[in-house]
Amino acid sequence: MIMPYLRFNGNCEEAFNFYAKCFGGEVVHLTRRDNNPENKVMHATVNLTETGSISGSDTDGPLPGKYEILVLFKTRAEVENVFAKLSECATEISRFKPHPPPDDAGGGAYVTDKYGYTWFLCV
């Protein structure tokens, strides 16, 4: 299994709660440094789909380079539903477009969320 690990600058918990809301998932793990509720997130995991999750934490240093996260769905309706939720305060948006031939069976949409991560939502 490959699981993306995302870094945040003090807003990891907020971001993971947002992602859980967008995907209909849940935050399944969240620990803080020294187990102090006032401290930054040391490690968190959110389940986004039946088979997919992401993990992450807050960092004290600079954030690493940009990522593009691919999420596969069964239907275009699922793509458009999650796209609409992730688009809240988004900076870049490409609505659903069919894949060009010869791969014309599906399509996808891009959105860079308010935390700076780009999601490629695909069917």
PDB file of N, CA and C in Angstrom:
ATOM      1  N   MET A   1       0.847  -1.178   0.000  1.00  0.00           N
ATOM      2  CA  MET A   1       0.000   0.000   0.000  1.00  0.00           C
ATOM      3  C   MET A   1       0.894   1.243   0.000  1.00  0.00           C
ATOM      4  N   ILE A   2       0.505   2.221  -0.771  1.00  0.00           N
ATOM      5  CA  ILE A   2       1.163   3.519  -0.772  1.00  0.00           C
ATOM      6  C   ILE A   2       0.193   4.532  -0.190  1.00  0.00           C
ATOM      7  N   MET A   3       0.651   5.318   0.773  1.00  0.00           N
ATOM      8  CA  MET A   3      -0.208   6.302   1.422  1.00  0.00           C
ATOM      9  C   MET A   3       0.491   7.655   1.414  1.00  0.00           C
ATOM     10  N   PRO A   4      -0.117   8.672   0.789  1.00  0.00           N
ATOM     11  CA  PRO A   4       0.495  10.008   0.828  1.00  0.00           C
ATOM     12  C   PRO A   4       0.626  10.509   2.263  1.00  0.00           C
ATOM     13  N   TYR A   5       1.739  11.200   2.527  1.00  0.00           N
ATOM     14  CA  TYR A   5       1.977  11.810   3.830  1.00  0.00           C
ATOM     15  C   TYR A   5       2.127  13.305   3.605  1.00  0.00           C
ATOM     16  N   LEU A   6       1.186  14.083   4.100  1.00  0.00           N
ATOM     17  CA  LEU A   6       1.128  15.517   3.846  1.00  0.00           C
ATOM     18  C   LEU A   6       1.620  16.292   5.056  1.00  0.00           C
ATOM     19  N   ARG A   7       2.291  17.383   4.800  1.00  0.00           N
ATOM     20  CA  ARG A   7       2.814  18.249   5.872  1.00  0.00           C
ATOM     21  C   ARG A   7       2.024  19.556   5.901  1.00  0.00           C
ATOM     22  N   PHE A   8       1.808  20.059   7.110  1.00  0.00           N
ATOM     23  CA  PHE A   8       1.049  21.284   7.305  1.00  0.00           C
ATOM     24  C   PHE A   8       1.794  22.208   8.258  1.00  0.00           C
ATOM     25  N   ASN A   9       1.433  23.455   8.216  1.00  0.00           N
ATOM     26  CA  ASN A   9       2.081  24.471   9.036  1.00  0.00           C
ATOM     27  C   ASN A   9       1.156  24.881  10.179  1.00  0.00           C
ATOM     28  N   GLY A  10       0.833  23.919  11.050  1.00  0.00           N
ATOM     29  CA  GLY A  10       0.003  24.209  12.211  1.00  0.00           C
ATOM     30  C   GLY A  10      -1.489  23.991  12.015  1.00  0.00           C
ATOM     31  N   ASN A  11      -1.918  23.569  10.817  1.00  0.00           N
ATOM     32  CA  ASN A  11      -3.353  23.376  10.585  1.00  0.00           C
ATOM     33  C   ASN A  11      -3.679  21.974  10.081  1.00  0.00           C
ATOM     34  N   CYS A  12      -2.897  20.983  10.477  1.00  0.00           N
ATOM     35  CA  CYS A  12      -3.123  19.602  10.073  1.00  0.00           C
ATOM     36  C   CYS A  12      -4.495  19.098  10.529  1.00  0.00           C
ATOM     37  N   GLU A  13      -4.841  19.327  11.779  1.00  0.00           N
ATOM     38  CA  GLU A  13      -6.127  18.842  12.289  1.00  0.00           C
ATOM     39  C   GLU A  13      -7.282  19.476  11.513  1.00  0.00           C
ATOM     40  N   GLU A  14      -7.217  20.766  11.292  1.00  0.00           N
ATOM     41  CA  GLU A  14      -8.249  21.462  10.522  1.00  0.00           C
ATOM     42  C   GLU A  14      -8.361  20.867   9.117  1.00  0.00           C
ATOM     43  N   ALA A  15      -7.214  20.658   8.461  1.00  0.00           N
ATOM     44  CA  ALA A  15      -7.208  20.115   7.103  1.00  0.00           C
ATOM     45  C   ALA A  15      -7.790  18.705   7.066  1.00  0.00           C
ATOM     46  N   PHE A  16      -7.401  17.855   8.002  1.00  0.00           N
ATOM     47  CA  PHE A  16      -7.894  16.480   7.974  1.00  0.00           C
ATOM     48  C   PHE A  16      -9.386  16.407   8.285  1.00  0.00           C
ATOM     49  N   ASN A  17      -9.885  17.274   9.155  1.00  0.00           N
ATOM     50  CA  ASN A  17     -11.332  17.329   9.387  1.00  0.00           C
ATOM     51  C   ASN A  17     -12.060  17.797   8.123  1.00  0.00           C
ATOM     52  N   PHE A  18     -11.458  18.751   7.395  1.00  0.00           N
ATOM     53  CA  PHE A  18     -12.015  19.224   6.131  1.00  0.00           C
ATOM     54  C   PHE A  18     -12.054  18.092   5.109  1.00  0.00           C
ATOM     55  N   TYR A  19     -10.946  17.352   4.967  1.00  0.00           N
ATOM     56  CA  TYR A  19     -10.903  16.247   4.010  1.00  0.00           C
ATOM     57  C   TYR A  19     -11.910  15.162   4.380  1.00  0.00           C
ATOM     58  N   ALA A  20     -12.047  14.856   5.661  1.00  0.00           N
ATOM     59  CA  ALA A  20     -13.026  13.854   6.095  1.00  0.00           C
ATOM     60  C   ALA A  20     -14.434  14.286   5.691  1.00  0.00           C
ATOM     61  N   LYS A  21     -14.737  15.564   5.860  1.00  0.00           N
ATOM     62  CA  LYS A  21     -16.051  16.090   5.469  1.00  0.00           C
ATOM     63  C   LYS A  21     -16.247  15.989   3.955  1.00  0.00           C
ATOM     64  N   CYS A  22     -15.239  16.352   3.183  1.00  0.00           N
ATOM     65  CA  CYS A  22     -15.343  16.344   1.724  1.00  0.00           C
ATOM     66  C   CYS A  22     -15.557  14.947   1.166  1.00  0.00           C
ATOM     67  N   PHE A  23     -14.837  13.976   1.709  1.00  0.00           N
ATOM     68  CA  PHE A  23     -14.891  12.620   1.176  1.00  0.00           C
ATOM     69  C   PHE A  23     -15.898  11.726   1.903  1.00  0.00           C
ATOM     70  N   GLY A  24     -16.508  12.220   2.969  1.00  0.00           N
ATOM     71  CA  GLY A  24     -17.403  11.374   3.748  1.00  0.00           C
ATOM     72  C   GLY A  24     -16.629  10.344   4.555  1.00  0.00           C
ATOM     73  N   GLY A  25     -15.392  10.663   4.888  1.00  0.00           N
ATOM     74  CA  GLY A  25     -14.544   9.745   5.644  1.00  0.00           C
ATOM     75  C   GLY A  25     -14.462  10.143   7.102  1.00  0.00           C
ATOM     76  N   GLU A  26     -13.394   9.690   7.756  1.00  0.00           N
ATOM     77  CA  GLU A  26     -13.224  10.033   9.165  1.00  0.00           C
ATOM     78  C   GLU A  26     -11.756  10.060   9.549  1.00  0.00           C
ATOM     79  N   VAL A  27     -11.445  10.915  10.498  1.00  0.00           N
ATOM     80  CA  VAL A  27     -10.102  10.942  11.076  1.00  0.00           C
ATOM     81  C   VAL A  27     -10.018   9.747  12.014  1.00  0.00           C
ATOM     82  N   VAL A  28      -9.100   8.830  11.730  1.00  0.00           N
ATOM     83  CA  VAL A  28      -9.021   7.594  12.516  1.00  0.00           C
ATOM     84  C   VAL A  28      -7.863   7.593  13.499  1.00  0.00           C
ATOM     85  N   HIS A  29      -6.963   8.579  13.367  1.00  0.00           N
ATOM     86  CA  HIS A  29      -5.834   8.651  14.286  1.00  0.00           C
ATOM     87  C   HIS A  29      -5.342  10.091  14.336  1.00  0.00           C
ATOM     88  N   LEU A  30      -5.092  10.588  15.535  1.00  0.00           N
ATOM     89  CA  LEU A  30      -4.515  11.923  15.700  1.00  0.00           C
ATOM     90  C   LEU A  30      -3.797  11.977  17.033  1.00  0.00           C
ATOM     91  N   THR A  31      -2.486  12.194  16.978  1.00  0.00           N
ATOM     92  CA  THR A  31      -1.703  12.347  18.201  1.00  0.00           C
ATOM     93  C   THR A  31      -0.968  13.676  18.140  1.00  0.00           C
ATOM     94  N   ARG A  32      -0.729  14.230  19.301  1.00  0.00           N
ATOM     95  CA  ARG A  32      -0.023  15.505  19.410  1.00  0.00           C
ATOM     96  C   ARG A  32       1.305  15.288  20.125  1.00  0.00           C
ATOM     97  N   ARG A  33       2.229  16.178  19.854  1.00  0.00           N
ATOM     98  CA  ARG A  33       3.539  16.085  20.507  1.00  0.00           C
ATOM     99  C   ARG A  33       3.373  16.151  22.019  1.00  0.00           C
ATOM    100  N   ASP A  34       4.023  15.239  22.702  1.00  0.00           N
ATOM    101  CA  ASP A  34       3.979  15.124  24.162  1.00  0.00           C
ATOM    102  C   ASP A  34       2.561  14.901  24.686  1.00  0.00           C
ATOM    103  N   ASN A  35       1.663  14.419  23.842  1.00  0.00           N
ATOM    104  CA  ASN A  35       0.259  14.169  24.219  1.00  0.00           C
ATOM    105  C   ASN A  35      -0.415  15.395  24.819  1.00  0.00           C
ATOM    106  N   ASN A  36       0.067  16.571  24.468  1.00  0.00           N
ATOM    107  CA  ASN A  36      -0.496  17.822  24.973  1.00  0.00           C
ATOM    108  C   ASN A  36      -1.484  18.361  23.942  1.00  0.00           C
ATOM    109  N   PRO A  37      -2.760  18.550  24.326  1.00  0.00           N
ATOM    110  CA  PRO A  37      -3.767  19.013  23.362  1.00  0.00           C
ATOM    111  C   PRO A  37      -3.472  20.397  22.770  1.00  0.00           C
ATOM    112  N   GLU A  38      -2.553  21.145  23.377  1.00  0.00           N
ATOM    113  CA  GLU A  38      -2.191  22.464  22.856  1.00  0.00           C
ATOM    114  C   GLU A  38      -1.082  22.389  21.793  1.00  0.00           C
ATOM    115  N   ASN A  39      -0.417  21.239  21.690  1.00  0.00           N
ATOM    116  CA  ASN A  39       0.718  21.097  20.774  1.00  0.00           C
ATOM    117  C   ASN A  39       0.268  20.764  19.362  1.00  0.00           C
ATOM    118  N   LYS A  40       1.208  20.927  18.416  1.00  0.00           N
ATOM    119  CA  LYS A  40       0.945  20.602  17.021  1.00  0.00           C
ATOM    120  C   LYS A  40       0.737  19.102  16.850  1.00  0.00           C
ATOM    121  N   VAL A  41       0.099  18.736  15.729  1.00  0.00           N
ATOM    122  CA  VAL A  41      -0.163  17.331  15.423  1.00  0.00           C
ATOM    123  C   VAL A  41       1.148  16.638  15.065  1.00  0.00           C
ATOM    124  N   MET A  42       1.423  15.531  15.752  1.00  0.00           N
ATOM    125  CA  MET A  42       2.614  14.742  15.488  1.00  0.00           C
ATOM    126  C   MET A  42       2.341  13.739  14.363  1.00  0.00           C
ATOM    127  N   HIS A  43       1.126  13.180  14.344  1.00  0.00           N
ATOM    128  CA  HIS A  43       0.745  12.219  13.299  1.00  0.00           C
ATOM    129  C   HIS A  43      -0.780  12.115  13.270  1.00  0.00           C
ATOM    130  N   ALA A  44      -1.315  12.091  12.038  1.00  0.00           N
ATOM    131  CA  ALA A  44      -2.757  11.931  11.867  1.00  0.00           C
ATOM    132  C   ALA A  44      -3.023  11.092  10.623  1.00  0.00           C
ATOM    133  N   THR A  45      -4.145  10.385  10.627  1.00  0.00           N
ATOM    134  CA  THR A  45      -4.587   9.605   9.475  1.00  0.00           C
ATOM    135  C   THR A  45      -6.074   9.829   9.287  1.00  0.00           C
ATOM    136  N   VAL A  46      -6.468  10.021   8.032  1.00  0.00           N
ATOM    137  CA  VAL A  46      -7.883  10.156   7.703  1.00  0.00           C
ATOM    138  C   VAL A  46      -8.203   9.173   6.589  1.00  0.00           C
ATOM    139  N   ASN A  47      -9.281   8.390   6.768  1.00  0.00           N
ATOM    140  CA  ASN A  47      -9.774   7.511   5.716  1.00  0.00           C
ATOM    141  C   ASN A  47     -10.646   8.345   4.787  1.00  0.00           C
ATOM    142  N   LEU A  48     -10.327   8.318   3.490  1.00  0.00           N
ATOM    143  CA  LEU A  48     -11.072   9.090   2.512  1.00  0.00           C
ATOM    144  C   LEU A  48     -12.080   8.238   1.755  1.00  0.00           C
ATOM    145  N   THR A  49     -11.698   7.006   1.462  1.00  0.00           N
ATOM    146  CA  THR A  49     -12.558   6.076   0.738  1.00  0.00           C
ATOM    147  C   THR A  49     -12.433   4.714   1.396  1.00  0.00           C
ATOM    148  N   GLU A  50     -13.139   3.730   0.856  1.00  0.00           N
ATOM    149  CA  GLU A  50     -13.054   2.380   1.423  1.00  0.00           C
ATOM    150  C   GLU A  50     -11.629   1.862   1.439  1.00  0.00           C
ATOM    151  N   THR A  51     -10.863   2.205   0.422  1.00  0.00           N
ATOM    152  CA  THR A  51      -9.520   1.641   0.284  1.00  0.00           C
ATOM    153  C   THR A  51      -8.408   2.681   0.334  1.00  0.00           C
ATOM    154  N   GLY A  52      -8.738   3.937   0.566  1.00  0.00           N
ATOM    155  CA  GLY A  52      -7.715   4.959   0.520  1.00  0.00           C
ATOM    156  C   GLY A  52      -7.702   5.867   1.726  1.00  0.00           C
ATOM    157  N   SER A  53      -6.497   6.222   2.141  1.00  0.00           N
ATOM    158  CA  SER A  53      -6.347   7.146   3.262  1.00  0.00           C
ATOM    159  C   SER A  53      -5.090   7.982   3.046  1.00  0.00           C
ATOM    160  N   ILE A  54      -4.973   9.050   3.830  1.00  0.00           N
ATOM    161  CA  ILE A  54      -3.769   9.864   3.842  1.00  0.00           C
ATOM    162  C   ILE A  54      -3.347  10.057   5.291  1.00  0.00           C
ATOM    163  N   SER A  55      -2.064  10.297   5.460  1.00  0.00           N
ATOM    164  CA  SER A  55      -1.524  10.607   6.779  1.00  0.00           C
ATOM    165  C   SER A  55      -0.776  11.921   6.681  1.00  0.00           C
ATOM    166  N   GLY A  56      -0.457  12.494   7.837  1.00  0.00           N
ATOM    167  CA  GLY A  56       0.280  13.740   7.821  1.00  0.00           C
ATOM    168  C   GLY A  56       0.556  14.259   9.208  1.00  0.00           C
ATOM    169  N   SER A  57       1.172  15.448   9.237  1.00  0.00           N
ATOM    170  CA  SER A  57       1.528  16.071  10.512  1.00  0.00           C
ATOM    171  C   SER A  57       1.801  17.546  10.295  1.00  0.00           C
ATOM    172  N   ASP A  58       1.938  18.257  11.399  1.00  0.00           N
ATOM    173  CA  ASP A  58       2.410  19.630  11.359  1.00  0.00           C
ATOM    174  C   ASP A  58       3.930  19.586  11.363  1.00  0.00           C
ATOM    175  N   THR A  59       4.542  20.587  10.782  1.00  0.00           N
ATOM    176  CA  THR A  59       5.989  20.648  10.728  1.00  0.00           C
ATOM    177  C   THR A  59       6.466  21.974  11.290  1.00  0.00           C
ATOM    178  N   ASP A  60       7.680  21.970  11.812  1.00  0.00           N
ATOM    179  CA  ASP A  60       8.272  23.207  12.310  1.00  0.00           C
ATOM    180  C   ASP A  60       9.094  23.900  11.232  1.00  0.00           C
ATOM    181  N   GLY A  61       9.440  23.162  10.199  1.00  0.00           N
ATOM    182  CA  GLY A  61      10.273  23.713   9.139  1.00  0.00           C
ATOM    183  C   GLY A  61       9.460  24.101   7.931  1.00  0.00           C
ATOM    184  N   PRO A  62      10.152  24.399   6.838  1.00  0.00           N
ATOM    185  CA  PRO A  62       9.448  24.751   5.609  1.00  0.00           C
ATOM    186  C   PRO A  62       8.684  23.552   5.066  1.00  0.00           C
ATOM    187  N   LEU A  63       7.584  23.834   4.406  1.00  0.00           N
ATOM    188  CA  LEU A  63       6.799  22.765   3.811  1.00  0.00           C
ATOM    189  C   LEU A  63       7.519  22.242   2.578  1.00  0.00           C
ATOM    190  N   PRO A  64       7.469  20.904   2.359  1.00  0.00           N
ATOM    191  CA  PRO A  64       8.116  20.355   1.169  1.00  0.00           C
ATOM    192  C   PRO A  64       7.376  20.776  -0.099  1.00  0.00           C
ATOM    193  N   GLY A  65       7.880  20.341  -1.244  1.00  0.00           N
ATOM    194  CA  GLY A  65       7.295  20.687  -2.544  1.00  0.00           C
ATOM    195  C   GLY A  65       5.840  20.285  -2.673  1.00  0.00           C
ATOM    196  N   LYS A  66       5.244  20.725  -3.760  1.00  0.00           N
ATOM    197  CA  LYS A  66       3.824  20.462  -4.012  1.00  0.00           C
ATOM    198  C   LYS A  66       3.597  19.001  -4.395  1.00  0.00           C
ATOM    199  N   TYR A  67       2.421  18.515  -4.084  1.00  0.00           N
ATOM    200  CA  TYR A  67       2.024  17.158  -4.386  1.00  0.00           C
ATOM    201  C   TYR A  67       0.762  17.187  -5.230  1.00  0.00           C
ATOM    202  N   GLU A  68       0.545  16.119  -5.959  1.00  0.00           N
ATOM    203  CA  GLU A  68      -0.711  15.910  -6.664  1.00  0.00           C
ATOM    204  C   GLU A  68      -1.236  14.558  -6.211  1.00  0.00           C
ATOM    205  N   ILE A  69      -2.427  14.542  -5.671  1.00  0.00           N
ATOM    206  CA  ILE A  69      -2.989  13.331  -5.099  1.00  0.00           C
ATOM    207  C   ILE A  69      -4.085  12.823  -6.017  1.00  0.00           C
ATOM    208  N   LEU A  70      -3.937  11.595  -6.500  1.00  0.00           N
ATOM    209  CA  LEU A  70      -4.915  10.967  -7.381  1.00  0.00           C
ATOM    210  C   LEU A  70      -5.887  10.152  -6.547  1.00  0.00           C
ATOM    211  N   VAL A  71      -7.189  10.385  -6.771  1.00  0.00           N
ATOM    212  CA  VAL A  71      -8.221   9.601  -6.105  1.00  0.00           C
ATOM    213  C   VAL A  71      -9.131   9.038  -7.191  1.00  0.00           C
ATOM    214  N   LEU A  72      -9.294   7.719  -7.202  1.00  0.00           N
ATOM    215  CA  LEU A  72     -10.139   7.057  -8.193  1.00  0.00           C
ATOM    216  C   LEU A  72     -11.525   6.799  -7.620  1.00  0.00           C
ATOM    217  N   PHE A  73     -12.536   7.104  -8.420  1.00  0.00           N
ATOM    218  CA  PHE A  73     -13.927   6.895  -8.034  1.00  0.00           C
ATOM    219  C   PHE A  73     -14.602   5.983  -9.045  1.00  0.00           C
ATOM    220  N   LYS A  74     -15.764   5.472  -8.674  1.00  0.00           N
ATOM    221  CA  LYS A  74     -16.520   4.598  -9.568  1.00  0.00           C
ATOM    222  C   LYS A  74     -17.388   5.379 -10.543  1.00  0.00           C
ATOM    223  N   THR A  75     -17.843   6.586 -10.149  1.00  0.00           N
ATOM    224  CA  THR A  75     -18.767   7.333 -11.006  1.00  0.00           C
ATOM    225  C   THR A  75     -18.365   8.803 -11.109  1.00  0.00           C
ATOM    226  N   ARG A  76     -18.825   9.430 -12.187  1.00  0.00           N
ATOM    227  CA  ARG A  76     -18.599  10.866 -12.369  1.00  0.00           C
ATOM    228  C   ARG A  76     -19.304  11.659 -11.275  1.00  0.00           C
ATOM    229  N   ALA A  77     -20.470  11.186 -10.835  1.00  0.00           N
ATOM    230  CA  ALA A  77     -21.219  11.883  -9.780  1.00  0.00           C
ATOM    231  C   ALA A  77     -20.388  11.969  -8.496  1.00  0.00           C
ATOM    232  N   GLU A  78     -19.664  10.901  -8.164  1.00  0.00           N
ATOM    233  CA  GLU A  78     -18.804  10.931  -6.979  1.00  0.00           C
ATOM    234  C   GLU A  78     -17.687  11.953  -7.152  1.00  0.00           C
ATOM    235  N   VAL A  79     -17.095  11.989  -8.338  1.00  0.00           N
ATOM    236  CA  VAL A  79     -16.033  12.967  -8.622  1.00  0.00           C
ATOM    237  C   VAL A  79     -16.570  14.377  -8.433  1.00  0.00           C
ATOM    238  N   GLU A  80     -17.707  14.661  -9.027  1.00  0.00           N
ATOM    239  CA  GLU A  80     -18.260  16.013  -8.970  1.00  0.00           C
ATOM    240  C   GLU A  80     -18.686  16.405  -7.561  1.00  0.00           C
ATOM    241  N   ASN A  81     -19.155  15.441  -6.775  1.00  0.00           N
ATOM    242  CA  ASN A  81     -19.544  15.720  -5.391  1.00  0.00           C
ATOM    243  C   ASN A  81     -18.332  16.120  -4.546  1.00  0.00           C
ATOM    244  N   VAL A  82     -17.262  15.337  -4.614  1.00  0.00           N
ATOM    245  CA  VAL A  82     -16.059  15.642  -3.844  1.00  0.00           C
ATOM    246  C   VAL A  82     -15.397  16.911  -4.378  1.00  0.00           C
ATOM    247  N   PHE A  83     -15.380  17.082  -5.689  1.00  0.00           N
ATOM    248  CA  PHE A  83     -14.818  18.288  -6.310  1.00  0.00           C
ATOM    249  C   PHE A  83     -15.493  19.540  -5.762  1.00  0.00           C
ATOM    250  N   ALA A  84     -16.816  19.518  -5.673  1.00  0.00           N
ATOM    251  CA  ALA A  84     -17.556  20.683  -5.171  1.00  0.00           C
ATOM    252  C   ALA A  84     -17.155  21.008  -3.737  1.00  0.00           C
ATOM    253  N   LYS A  85     -16.953  20.002  -2.911  1.00  0.00           N
ATOM    254  CA  LYS A  85     -16.584  20.228  -1.514  1.00  0.00           C
ATOM    255  C   LYS A  85     -15.144  20.720  -1.378  1.00  0.00           C
ATOM    256  N   LEU A  86     -14.222  20.095  -2.127  1.00  0.00           N
ATOM    257  CA  LEU A  86     -12.828  20.522  -2.068  1.00  0.00           C
ATOM    258  C   LEU A  86     -12.632  21.920  -2.640  1.00  0.00           C
ATOM    259  N   SER A  87     -13.531  22.352  -3.522  1.00  0.00           N
ATOM    260  CA  SER A  87     -13.405  23.648  -4.187  1.00  0.00           C
ATOM    261  C   SER A  87     -13.657  24.824  -3.255  1.00  0.00           C
ATOM    262  N   GLU A  88     -14.133  24.565  -2.037  1.00  0.00           N
ATOM    263  CA  GLU A  88     -14.340  25.630  -1.063  1.00  0.00           C
ATOM    264  C   GLU A  88     -13.006  26.343  -0.830  1.00  0.00           C
ATOM    265  N   CYS A  89     -12.955  27.605  -1.165  1.00  0.00           N
ATOM    266  CA  CYS A  89     -11.743  28.431  -1.015  1.00  0.00           C
ATOM    267  C   CYS A  89     -10.570  27.915  -1.850  1.00  0.00           C
ATOM    268  N   ALA A  90     -10.849  27.214  -2.940  1.00  0.00           N
ATOM    269  CA  ALA A  90      -9.792  26.679  -3.790  1.00  0.00           C
ATOM    270  C   ALA A  90      -9.134  27.783  -4.606  1.00  0.00           C
ATOM    271  N   THR A  91      -7.897  27.541  -5.000  1.00  0.00           N
ATOM    272  CA  THR A  91      -7.188  28.540  -5.786  1.00  0.00           C
ATOM    273  C   THR A  91      -7.118  28.179  -7.266  1.00  0.00           C
ATOM    274  N   GLU A  92      -7.164  26.911  -7.594  1.00  0.00           N
ATOM    275  CA  GLU A  92      -7.117  26.480  -8.983  1.00  0.00           C
ATOM    276  C   GLU A  92      -8.165  25.405  -9.204  1.00  0.00           C
ATOM    277  N   ILE A  93      -8.919  25.535 -10.310  1.00  0.00           N
ATOM    278  CA  ILE A  93      -9.988  24.574 -10.556  1.00  0.00           C
ATOM    279  C   ILE A  93     -10.035  24.215 -12.032  1.00  0.00           C
ATOM    280  N   SER A  94     -10.179  22.931 -12.328  1.00  0.00           N
ATOM    281  CA  SER A  94     -10.473  22.447 -13.663  1.00  0.00           C
ATOM    282  C   SER A  94     -11.613  21.461 -13.506  1.00  0.00           C
ATOM    283  N   ARG A  95     -12.779  21.867 -13.895  1.00  0.00           N
ATOM    284  CA  ARG A  95     -13.959  21.006 -13.748  1.00  0.00           C
ATOM    285  C   ARG A  95     -13.786  19.708 -14.531  1.00  0.00           C
ATOM    286  N   PHE A  96     -14.684  18.769 -14.291  1.00  0.00           N
ATOM    287  CA  PHE A  96     -14.615  17.445 -14.913  1.00  0.00           C
ATOM    288  C   PHE A  96     -14.529  17.555 -16.437  1.00  0.00           C
ATOM    289  N   LYS A  97     -13.549  16.845 -16.984  1.00  0.00           N
ATOM    290  CA  LYS A  97     -13.382  16.756 -18.437  1.00  0.00           C
ATOM    291  C   LYS A  97     -13.160  15.292 -18.794  1.00  0.00           C
ATOM    292  N   PRO A  98     -13.801  14.826 -19.872  1.00  0.00           N
ATOM    293  CA  PRO A  98     -13.547  13.445 -20.309  1.00  0.00           C
ATOM    294  C   PRO A  98     -12.085  13.278 -20.727  1.00  0.00           C
ATOM    295  N   HIS A  99     -11.549  12.065 -20.516  1.00  0.00           N
ATOM    296  CA  HIS A  99     -10.204  11.760 -20.996  1.00  0.00           C
ATOM    297  C   HIS A  99     -10.228  11.747 -22.518  1.00  0.00           C
ATOM    298  N   PRO A 100      -9.161  12.205 -23.155  1.00  0.00           N
ATOM    299  CA  PRO A 100      -9.123  12.181 -24.624  1.00  0.00           C
ATOM    300  C   PRO A 100      -8.933  10.757 -25.147  1.00  0.00           C
ATOM    301  N   PRO A 101      -9.309  10.523 -26.400  1.00  0.00           N
ATOM    302  CA  PRO A 101      -9.075   9.203 -26.998  1.00  0.00           C
ATOM    303  C   PRO A 101      -7.587   8.883 -26.995  1.00  0.00           C
ATOM    304  N   PRO A 102      -7.180   7.663 -26.825  1.00  0.00           N
ATOM    305  CA  PRO A 102      -8.032   6.478 -26.885  1.00  0.00           C
ATOM    306  C   PRO A 102      -8.658   6.119 -25.539  1.00  0.00           C
ATOM    307  N   ASP A 103      -8.274   6.788 -24.466  1.00  0.00           N
ATOM    308  CA  ASP A 103      -8.835   6.498 -23.136  1.00  0.00           C
ATOM    309  C   ASP A 103     -10.064   7.358 -22.914  1.00  0.00           C
ATOM    310  N   ASP A 104     -11.144   7.058 -23.634  1.00  0.00           N
ATOM    311  CA  ASP A 104     -12.323   7.915 -23.545  1.00  0.00           C
ATOM    312  C   ASP A 104     -13.409   7.345 -22.632  1.00  0.00           C
ATOM    313  N   ALA A 105     -13.048   6.396 -21.774  1.00  0.00           N
ATOM    314  CA  ALA A 105     -14.046   5.795 -20.893  1.00  0.00           C
ATOM    315  C   ALA A 105     -14.260   6.578 -19.607  1.00  0.00           C
ATOM    316  N   GLY A 106     -13.344   7.439 -19.259  1.00  0.00           N
ATOM    317  CA  GLY A 106     -13.462   8.140 -17.990  1.00  0.00           C
ATOM    318  C   GLY A 106     -13.182   9.615 -18.142  1.00  0.00           C
ATOM    319  N   GLY A 107     -12.791  10.213 -17.042  1.00  0.00           N
ATOM    320  CA  GLY A 107     -12.480  11.630 -17.039  1.00  0.00           C
ATOM    321  C   GLY A 107     -11.981  12.025 -15.671  1.00  0.00           C
ATOM    322  N   GLY A 108     -11.733  13.326 -15.526  1.00  0.00           N
ATOM    323  CA  GLY A 108     -11.231  13.774 -14.239  1.00  0.00           C
ATOM    324  C   GLY A 108     -11.363  15.262 -14.041  1.00  0.00           C
ATOM    325  N   ALA A 109     -11.100  15.690 -12.811  1.00  0.00           N
ATOM    326  CA  ALA A 109     -11.154  17.095 -12.429  1.00  0.00           C
ATOM    327  C   ALA A 109      -9.972  17.364 -11.504  1.00  0.00           C
ATOM    328  N   TYR A 110      -9.452  18.591 -11.569  1.00  0.00           N
ATOM    329  CA  TYR A 110      -8.357  19.032 -10.711  1.00  0.00           C
ATOM    330  C   TYR A 110      -8.840  20.148  -9.805  1.00  0.00           C
ATOM    331  N   VAL A 111      -8.354  20.124  -8.573  1.00  0.00           N
ATOM    332  CA  VAL A 111      -8.588  21.252  -7.675  1.00  0.00           C
ATOM    333  C   VAL A 111      -7.407  21.360  -6.713  1.00  0.00           C
ATOM    334  N   THR A 112      -6.900  22.572  -6.556  1.00  0.00           N
ATOM    335  CA  THR A 112      -5.882  22.837  -5.538  1.00  0.00           C
ATOM    336  C   THR A 112      -6.604  23.424  -4.346  1.00  0.00           C
ATOM    337  N   ASP A 113      -6.604  22.681  -3.236  1.00  0.00           N
ATOM    338  CA  ASP A 113      -7.406  23.080  -2.084  1.00  0.00           C
ATOM    339  C   ASP A 113      -6.788  24.246  -1.325  1.00  0.00           C
ATOM    340  N   LYS A 114      -7.488  24.683  -0.307  1.00  0.00           N
ATOM    341  CA  LYS A 114      -7.057  25.853   0.458  1.00  0.00           C
ATOM    342  C   LYS A 114      -5.781  25.616   1.261  1.00  0.00           C
ATOM    343  N   TYR A 115      -5.311  24.359   1.297  1.00  0.00           N
ATOM    344  CA  TYR A 115      -4.068  24.042   2.005  1.00  0.00           C
ATOM    345  C   TYR A 115      -2.891  23.912   1.028  1.00  0.00           C
ATOM    346  N   GLY A 116      -3.160  24.092  -0.269  1.00  0.00           N
ATOM    347  CA  GLY A 116      -2.119  24.066  -1.273  1.00  0.00           C
ATOM    348  C   GLY A 116      -1.877  22.722  -1.931  1.00  0.00           C
ATOM    349  N   TYR A 117      -2.683  21.705  -1.608  1.00  0.00           N
ATOM    350  CA  TYR A 117      -2.538  20.383  -2.225  1.00  0.00           C
ATOM    351  C   TYR A 117      -3.463  20.249  -3.423  1.00  0.00           C
ATOM    352  N   THR A 118      -2.931  19.660  -4.493  1.00  0.00           N
ATOM    353  CA  THR A 118      -3.709  19.464  -5.718  1.00  0.00           C
ATOM    354  C   THR A 118      -4.245  18.050  -5.750  1.00  0.00           C
ATOM    355  N   TRP A 119      -5.544  17.945  -5.991  1.00  0.00           N
ATOM    356  CA  TRP A 119      -6.253  16.679  -6.060  1.00  0.00           C
ATOM    357  C   TRP A 119      -6.660  16.428  -7.502  1.00  0.00           C
ATOM    358  N   PHE A 120      -6.359  15.240  -8.024  1.00  0.00           N
ATOM    359  CA  PHE A 120      -6.825  14.805  -9.331  1.00  0.00           C
ATOM    360  C   PHE A 120      -7.878  13.757  -9.053  1.00  0.00           C
ATOM    361  N   LEU A 121      -9.127  14.117  -9.248  1.00  0.00           N
ATOM    362  CA  LEU A 121     -10.272  13.241  -8.961  1.00  0.00           C
ATOM    363  C   LEU A 121     -10.681  12.605 -10.282  1.00  0.00           C
ATOM    364  N   CYS A 122     -10.644  11.307 -10.337  1.00  0.00           N
ATOM    365  CA  CYS A 122     -10.762  10.607 -11.621  1.00  0.00           C
ATOM    366  C   CYS A 122     -11.737   9.432 -11.557  1.00  0.00           C
ATOM    367  N   VAL A 123     -12.377   9.168 -12.698  1.00  0.00           N
ATOM    368  CA  VAL A 123     -13.241   7.994 -12.840  1.00  0.00           C
ATOM    369  C   VAL A 123     -12.759   7.192 -14.024  1.00  0.00           C
TER     370      VAL A 123
END
